[in-house]
Amino acid sequence: MNTTTLTLTFPVTLNGIETTALSMRRPKVRDMLIGEKKGKSDAEREIHVFANLCEVTPDLIQELDMADYAELQKTYQDFLS
């Protein structure tokens, strides 16, 4: 599986655009490196990695409800196992 789509339980509206689902692609080493360069903390690094994998801005990831964010984390972990 190369991409997984997560339907958001709590859609996000950012800049007047509603997002109801996110598609996350399989991570590569370069995604981890991008996160390392852009994030100061573990949480910031993870946000940058997720934004890159979902092809959205970090601001959108930051607006997610924690329940949806937890599902995004689970999706990411599923790719690694």
Protein backbone atom coordinates (compact mmCIF):
# COMPACT_ATOMS: atom_id res chain seq x y z
CA MET A 1 0.00 0.00 0.00
CA ASN A 2 1.58 3.30 -1.11
CA THR A 3 -1.09 5.75 0.06
CA THR A 4 -3.72 5.70 2.78
CA THR A 5 -6.64 8.11 2.97
CA LEU A 6 -7.84 9.20 6.40
CA THR A 7 -11.34 10.67 6.61
CA LEU A 8 -11.31 13.35 9.29
CA THR A 9 -13.86 12.99 12.07
CA PHE A 10 -13.53 16.74 12.63
CA PRO A 11 -12.97 18.52 9.28
CA VAL A 12 -10.62 21.50 9.28
CA THR A 13 -11.21 24.86 7.61
CA LEU A 14 -8.07 26.84 6.89
CA ASN A 15 -7.95 29.94 4.68
CA GLY A 16 -11.57 29.34 3.71
CA ILE A 17 -10.91 25.81 2.43
CA GLU A 18 -12.47 22.84 4.20
CA THR A 19 -10.41 19.65 4.42
CA THR A 20 -12.41 16.50 5.14
CA ALA A 21 -9.74 13.88 4.40
CA LEU A 22 -5.97 13.54 4.18
CA SER A 23 -4.04 11.15 1.97
CA MET A 24 -0.71 10.05 3.42
CA ARG A 25 1.91 8.40 1.22
CA ARG A 26 4.55 5.96 2.43
CA PRO A 27 7.45 7.76 4.13
CA LYS A 28 10.98 7.78 2.77
CA VAL A 29 14.25 8.62 4.50
CA ARG A 30 14.24 12.07 2.88
CA ASP A 31 10.95 12.85 4.65
CA MET A 32 12.61 12.18 7.99
CA LEU A 33 15.53 14.43 7.01
CA ILE A 34 13.18 17.25 6.03
CA GLY A 35 11.49 16.97 9.42
CA GLU A 36 14.86 17.04 11.19
CA LYS A 37 15.85 20.25 9.39
CA LYS A 38 12.57 22.10 9.93
CA GLY A 39 11.54 21.11 13.45
CA LYS A 40 13.01 22.28 16.73
CA SER A 41 11.19 19.72 18.88
CA ASP A 42 10.02 16.16 18.29
CA ALA A 43 6.44 17.40 17.90
CA GLU A 44 7.43 20.03 15.32
CA ARG A 45 9.48 17.49 13.39
CA GLU A 46 6.54 15.10 13.31
CA ILE A 47 4.19 17.86 12.12
CA HIS A 48 6.57 18.72 9.26
CA VAL A 49 6.93 15.06 8.27
CA PHE A 50 3.16 14.53 8.30
CA ALA A 51 2.57 17.74 6.31
CA ASN A 52 5.09 16.60 3.72
CA LEU A 53 3.61 13.10 3.47
CA CYS A 54 0.06 14.48 3.14
CA GLU A 55 1.11 17.33 0.81
CA VAL A 56 -0.47 20.01 3.02
CA THR A 57 0.96 22.85 5.08
CA PRO A 58 2.14 22.37 8.66
CA ASP A 59 -0.55 24.92 9.63
CA LEU A 60 -3.25 22.50 8.49
CA ILE A 61 -1.76 19.65 10.53
CA GLN A 62 -1.66 21.95 13.57
CA GLU A 63 -5.39 22.65 13.18
CA LEU A 64 -6.36 18.97 13.35
CA ASP A 65 -8.42 17.74 16.27
CA MET A 66 -6.28 15.53 18.51
CA ALA A 67 -8.46 12.49 17.72
CA ASP A 68 -7.72 12.93 14.00
CA TYR A 69 -4.05 13.62 14.73
CA ALA A 70 -3.85 10.36 16.70
CA GLU A 71 -5.28 8.52 13.67
CA LEU A 72 -2.66 10.21 11.47
CA GLN A 73 0.06 9.00 13.87
CA LYS A 74 -1.38 5.47 13.72
CA THR A 75 -1.42 5.59 9.90
CA TYR A 76 2.24 6.67 9.92
CA GLN A 77 3.18 3.85 12.32
CA ASP A 78 1.31 1.33 10.16
CA PHE A 79 3.55 2.29 7.23
CA LEU A 80 6.62 1.51 9.37
CA SER A 81 5.50 -1.93 10.50
